[in-house]
Amino acid sequence: MKIKCQCGGLIVDQTDYLSQKGHLIPDKKWFNFWDEIDDAIEGSDEKNAENSCMQLRINNRFKLFWECKDCGRLFVDSANGELIVFKPENRKYNGVLDDES
């Protein structure tokens, strides 16, 4: 996936572990997500562990979002698959997804 930012920057999402990409978990799903992880760990024997992990991945599809490294705009995946854009007031890259910034 490639996102062309209004500032001219390009966000390329073709690999894993990107510093400008994140997964958005709504608060109303946060505790259920952790409860499902606990259930998968505590309720699974070795035989069912893989199935439990796959169910976790299937049941928890969270929105994706990206930050433009040139201007800091955030692009959030909407429910209908379109990108919603948020522009920071300081008009710069803030590294909101990069835990090393």
N, C-alpha and C. Protein backbone atom coordinates (compact mmCIF):
# COMPACT_ATOMS: atom_id res chain seq x y z
N MET A 1 0.84 -1.18 0.00
CA MET A 1 0.00 0.00 0.00
C MET A 1 0.89 1.24 0.00
N LYS A 2 0.49 2.23 -0.77
CA LYS A 2 1.20 3.51 -0.79
C LYS A 2 0.18 4.62 -0.57
N ILE A 3 0.52 5.53 0.33
CA ILE A 3 -0.36 6.68 0.62
C ILE A 3 0.38 7.93 0.20
N LYS A 4 -0.20 8.69 -0.69
CA LYS A 4 0.37 9.96 -1.14
C LYS A 4 -0.20 11.07 -0.27
N CYS A 5 0.66 11.69 0.51
CA CYS A 5 0.22 12.77 1.40
C CYS A 5 0.06 14.07 0.63
N GLN A 6 -0.79 14.94 1.15
CA GLN A 6 -1.03 16.24 0.52
C GLN A 6 0.22 17.11 0.49
N CYS A 7 1.18 16.84 1.39
CA CYS A 7 2.42 17.63 1.43
C CYS A 7 3.42 17.16 0.38
N GLY A 8 3.12 16.05 -0.27
CA GLY A 8 4.03 15.49 -1.26
C GLY A 8 4.77 14.26 -0.74
N GLY A 9 4.69 14.01 0.56
CA GLY A 9 5.33 12.84 1.15
C GLY A 9 4.66 11.56 0.72
N LEU A 10 5.39 10.46 0.81
CA LEU A 10 4.86 9.17 0.43
C LEU A 10 5.04 8.20 1.59
N ILE A 11 3.95 7.55 1.98
CA ILE A 11 3.99 6.53 3.03
C ILE A 11 3.87 5.18 2.32
N VAL A 12 4.89 4.36 2.49
CA VAL A 12 4.92 3.05 1.86
C VAL A 12 4.75 1.99 2.94
N ASP A 13 3.71 1.18 2.79
CA ASP A 13 3.42 0.11 3.75
C ASP A 13 3.53 -1.22 3.02
N GLN A 14 4.77 -1.71 2.92
CA GLN A 14 5.00 -2.97 2.21
C GLN A 14 5.83 -3.95 3.03
N THR A 15 5.95 -3.70 4.33
CA THR A 15 6.73 -4.58 5.20
C THR A 15 6.17 -4.49 6.61
N ASP A 16 6.80 -5.14 7.55
CA ASP A 16 6.38 -5.12 8.95
C ASP A 16 7.31 -4.22 9.77
N TYR A 17 6.91 -3.96 11.00
CA TYR A 17 7.72 -3.20 11.97
C TYR A 17 8.02 -1.77 11.50
N LEU A 18 7.02 -1.11 10.95
CA LEU A 18 7.20 0.26 10.47
C LEU A 18 7.03 1.24 11.62
N SER A 19 7.91 2.23 11.70
CA SER A 19 7.85 3.21 12.79
C SER A 19 6.72 4.21 12.61
N GLN A 20 6.16 4.33 11.40
CA GLN A 20 5.10 5.30 11.17
C GLN A 20 3.73 4.65 10.98
N LYS A 21 3.61 3.34 11.36
CA LYS A 21 2.34 2.62 11.23
C LYS A 21 1.90 2.11 12.60
N GLY A 22 0.59 2.17 12.85
CA GLY A 22 0.07 1.67 14.12
C GLY A 22 -1.27 0.98 13.94
N HIS A 23 -1.71 0.35 15.01
CA HIS A 23 -3.00 -0.34 15.05
C HIS A 23 -3.84 0.35 16.12
N LEU A 24 -5.01 0.78 15.73
CA LEU A 24 -5.87 1.55 16.60
C LEU A 24 -6.89 0.62 17.27
N ILE A 25 -6.84 0.58 18.60
CA ILE A 25 -7.75 -0.26 19.37
C ILE A 25 -8.72 0.66 20.13
N PRO A 26 -9.99 0.65 19.76
CA PRO A 26 -10.96 1.47 20.48
C PRO A 26 -11.06 1.04 21.95
N ASP A 27 -11.24 1.98 22.82
CA ASP A 27 -11.33 1.69 24.25
C ASP A 27 -12.42 0.68 24.57
N LYS A 28 -13.53 0.72 23.83
CA LYS A 28 -14.62 -0.21 24.10
C LYS A 28 -14.25 -1.65 23.75
N LYS A 29 -13.14 -1.87 23.02
CA LYS A 29 -12.67 -3.22 22.70
C LYS A 29 -11.42 -3.60 23.50
N TRP A 30 -10.82 -2.66 24.19
CA TRP A 30 -9.54 -2.85 24.87
C TRP A 30 -9.56 -4.00 25.88
N PHE A 31 -10.50 -3.97 26.83
CA PHE A 31 -10.53 -4.99 27.88
C PHE A 31 -10.96 -6.35 27.34
N ASN A 32 -11.88 -6.37 26.39
CA ASN A 32 -12.28 -7.64 25.77
C ASN A 32 -11.09 -8.28 25.07
N PHE A 33 -10.27 -7.47 24.43
CA PHE A 33 -9.08 -7.97 23.75
C PHE A 33 -8.15 -8.68 24.74
N TRP A 34 -7.90 -8.04 25.88
CA TRP A 34 -7.01 -8.65 26.88
C TRP A 34 -7.66 -9.87 27.54
N ASP A 35 -8.97 -9.82 27.70
CA ASP A 35 -9.67 -11.00 28.24
C ASP A 35 -9.53 -12.19 27.29
N GLU A 36 -9.63 -11.94 25.99
CA GLU A 36 -9.47 -13.01 25.01
C GLU A 36 -8.05 -13.57 25.03
N ILE A 37 -7.06 -12.72 25.22
CA ILE A 37 -5.68 -13.19 25.33
C ILE A 37 -5.53 -14.07 26.56
N ASP A 38 -6.07 -13.61 27.69
CA ASP A 38 -6.01 -14.42 28.92
C ASP A 38 -6.68 -15.78 28.71
N ASP A 39 -7.86 -15.77 28.08
CA ASP A 39 -8.58 -17.03 27.84
C ASP A 39 -7.77 -17.96 26.94
N ALA A 40 -7.12 -17.38 25.92
CA ALA A 40 -6.33 -18.20 25.00
C ALA A 40 -5.14 -18.83 25.72
N ILE A 41 -4.52 -18.08 26.61
CA ILE A 41 -3.35 -18.59 27.34
C ILE A 41 -3.77 -19.60 28.40
N GLU A 42 -4.75 -19.25 29.17
CA GLU A 42 -5.14 -20.10 30.30
C GLU A 42 -5.99 -21.30 29.89
N GLY A 43 -6.77 -21.14 28.83
CA GLY A 43 -7.70 -22.20 28.46
C GLY A 43 -7.22 -23.12 27.37
N SER A 44 -5.99 -22.95 26.92
CA SER A 44 -5.51 -23.75 25.80
C SER A 44 -4.45 -24.73 26.23
N ASP A 45 -4.67 -25.98 25.82
CA ASP A 45 -3.57 -26.92 25.95
C ASP A 45 -2.71 -26.77 24.70
N GLU A 46 -1.62 -27.47 24.66
CA GLU A 46 -0.69 -27.32 23.54
C GLU A 46 -1.36 -27.62 22.20
N LYS A 47 -2.28 -28.55 22.21
CA LYS A 47 -2.97 -28.96 20.98
C LYS A 47 -3.85 -27.84 20.42
N ASN A 48 -4.48 -27.07 21.30
CA ASN A 48 -5.41 -26.03 20.87
C ASN A 48 -4.81 -24.63 20.87
N ALA A 49 -3.55 -24.49 21.26
CA ALA A 49 -2.93 -23.16 21.36
C ALA A 49 -2.91 -22.44 20.02
N GLU A 50 -2.55 -23.12 18.96
CA GLU A 50 -2.49 -22.49 17.64
C GLU A 50 -3.86 -22.03 17.21
N ASN A 51 -4.88 -22.84 17.42
CA ASN A 51 -6.25 -22.48 17.06
C ASN A 51 -6.71 -21.26 17.86
N SER A 52 -6.39 -21.22 19.14
CA SER A 52 -6.77 -20.09 19.99
C SER A 52 -6.10 -18.80 19.50
N CYS A 53 -4.83 -18.90 19.13
CA CYS A 53 -4.12 -17.72 18.62
C CYS A 53 -4.74 -17.23 17.31
N MET A 54 -5.10 -18.15 16.43
CA MET A 54 -5.71 -17.75 15.17
C MET A 54 -7.08 -17.11 15.40
N GLN A 55 -7.84 -17.63 16.36
CA GLN A 55 -9.14 -17.02 16.68
C GLN A 55 -8.95 -15.60 17.20
N LEU A 56 -7.92 -15.39 18.00
CA LEU A 56 -7.62 -14.04 18.49
C LEU A 56 -7.38 -13.08 17.32
N ARG A 57 -6.59 -13.52 16.36
CA ARG A 57 -6.28 -12.67 15.20
C ARG A 57 -7.53 -12.40 14.36
N ILE A 58 -8.37 -13.40 14.19
CA ILE A 58 -9.58 -13.26 13.39
C ILE A 58 -10.58 -12.32 14.08
N ASN A 59 -10.74 -12.47 15.38
CA ASN A 59 -11.74 -11.70 16.13
C ASN A 59 -11.33 -10.26 16.39
N ASN A 60 -10.06 -9.93 16.26
CA ASN A 60 -9.58 -8.60 16.62
C ASN A 60 -8.92 -7.90 15.45
N ARG A 61 -9.75 -7.44 14.56
CA ARG A 61 -9.28 -6.65 13.43
C ARG A 61 -9.41 -5.18 13.81
N PHE A 62 -8.27 -4.55 14.05
CA PHE A 62 -8.30 -3.15 14.46
C PHE A 62 -7.95 -2.25 13.29
N LYS A 63 -8.35 -1.02 13.39
CA LYS A 63 -8.05 -0.06 12.34
C LYS A 63 -6.55 0.20 12.28
N LEU A 64 -6.08 0.51 11.10
CA LEU A 64 -4.68 0.87 10.92
C LEU A 64 -4.57 2.38 10.80
N PHE A 65 -3.40 2.91 11.18
CA PHE A 65 -3.14 4.31 10.90
C PHE A 65 -1.67 4.53 10.66
N TRP A 66 -1.37 5.61 9.94
CA TRP A 66 -0.02 5.92 9.52
C TRP A 66 0.26 7.40 9.77
N GLU A 67 1.53 7.73 10.00
CA GLU A 67 1.94 9.13 10.18
C GLU A 67 2.91 9.51 9.08
N CYS A 68 2.65 10.61 8.41
CA CYS A 68 3.56 11.11 7.38
C CYS A 68 4.81 11.65 8.06
N LYS A 69 5.97 11.17 7.62
CA LYS A 69 7.24 11.61 8.22
C LYS A 69 7.65 13.01 7.77
N ASP A 70 6.96 13.54 6.77
CA ASP A 70 7.29 14.89 6.29
C ASP A 70 6.50 15.98 7.00
N CYS A 71 5.20 15.74 7.24
CA CYS A 71 4.38 16.81 7.82
C CYS A 71 3.62 16.41 9.08
N GLY A 72 3.61 15.12 9.43
CA GLY A 72 2.94 14.67 10.64
C GLY A 72 1.48 14.33 10.51
N ARG A 73 0.92 14.46 9.30
CA ARG A 73 -0.49 14.09 9.15
C ARG A 73 -0.69 12.63 9.53
N LEU A 74 -1.83 12.37 10.19
CA LEU A 74 -2.21 11.01 10.52
C LEU A 74 -3.29 10.57 9.55
N PHE A 75 -3.14 9.38 9.01
CA PHE A 75 -4.11 8.77 8.11
C PHE A 75 -4.71 7.58 8.83
N VAL A 76 -6.01 7.64 9.10
CA VAL A 76 -6.70 6.59 9.84
C VAL A 76 -7.66 5.86 8.91
N ASP A 77 -7.55 4.54 8.91
CA ASP A 77 -8.43 3.69 8.12
C ASP A 77 -9.84 3.77 8.71
N SER A 78 -10.82 4.16 7.91
CA SER A 78 -12.20 4.25 8.40
C SER A 78 -12.92 2.93 8.24
N ALA A 79 -14.12 2.84 8.78
CA ALA A 79 -14.92 1.61 8.71
C ALA A 79 -15.24 1.23 7.27
N ASN A 80 -15.35 2.22 6.38
CA ASN A 80 -15.67 1.92 4.99
C ASN A 80 -14.43 1.82 4.10
N GLY A 81 -13.24 1.79 4.71
CA GLY A 81 -12.01 1.59 3.95
C GLY A 81 -11.37 2.85 3.40
N GLU A 82 -11.97 4.00 3.67
CA GLU A 82 -11.38 5.25 3.23
C GLU A 82 -10.45 5.78 4.32
N LEU A 83 -9.50 6.63 3.93
CA LEU A 83 -8.59 7.22 4.90
C LEU A 83 -9.12 8.55 5.39
N ILE A 84 -9.11 8.72 6.70
CA ILE A 84 -9.48 9.99 7.31
C ILE A 84 -8.16 10.65 7.73
N VAL A 85 -8.00 11.92 7.40
CA VAL A 85 -6.73 12.60 7.61
C VAL A 85 -6.84 13.61 8.74
N PHE A 86 -5.84 13.59 9.64
CA PHE A 86 -5.75 14.55 10.73
C PHE A 86 -4.41 15.27 10.60
N LYS A 87 -4.47 16.59 10.68
CA LYS A 87 -3.26 17.39 10.51
C LYS A 87 -2.87 18.01 11.86
N PRO A 88 -1.63 17.78 12.32
CA PRO A 88 -1.23 18.34 13.60
C PRO A 88 -1.07 19.86 13.53
N GLU A 89 -1.39 20.52 14.62
CA GLU A 89 -1.27 21.98 14.65
C GLU A 89 0.16 22.45 14.43
N ASN A 90 1.14 21.68 14.89
CA ASN A 90 2.53 22.11 14.74
C ASN A 90 3.10 21.82 13.34
N ARG A 91 2.32 21.15 12.51
CA ARG A 91 2.66 20.87 11.11
C ARG A 91 4.01 20.18 10.93
N LYS A 92 4.34 19.27 11.87
CA LYS A 92 5.60 18.55 11.74
C LYS A 92 5.42 17.09 12.14
N TYR A 93 6.39 16.27 11.77
CA TYR A 93 6.41 14.87 12.16
C TYR A 93 6.67 14.80 13.66
N ASN A 94 5.79 14.10 14.36
CA ASN A 94 5.88 14.02 15.82
C ASN A 94 6.29 12.65 16.32
N GLY A 95 6.41 11.68 15.45
CA GLY A 95 6.81 10.34 15.85
C GLY A 95 5.88 9.72 16.85
N VAL A 96 4.57 9.94 16.70
CA VAL A 96 3.62 9.44 17.69
C VAL A 96 3.57 7.92 17.75
N LEU A 97 4.04 7.25 16.72
CA LEU A 97 4.03 5.79 16.68
C LEU A 97 5.41 5.18 16.89
N ASP A 98 6.42 6.00 16.91
CA ASP A 98 7.79 5.53 17.03
C ASP A 98 8.21 5.59 18.49
N ASP A 99 8.31 4.44 19.13
CA ASP A 99 8.65 4.41 20.56
C ASP A 99 10.10 4.78 20.83
N GLU A 100 10.87 5.03 19.79
CA GLU A 100 12.26 5.42 19.96
C GLU A 100 12.46 6.92 19.81
N SER A 101 11.39 7.68 19.55
CA SER A 101 11.53 9.13 19.38
C SER A 101 11.54 9.83 20.71
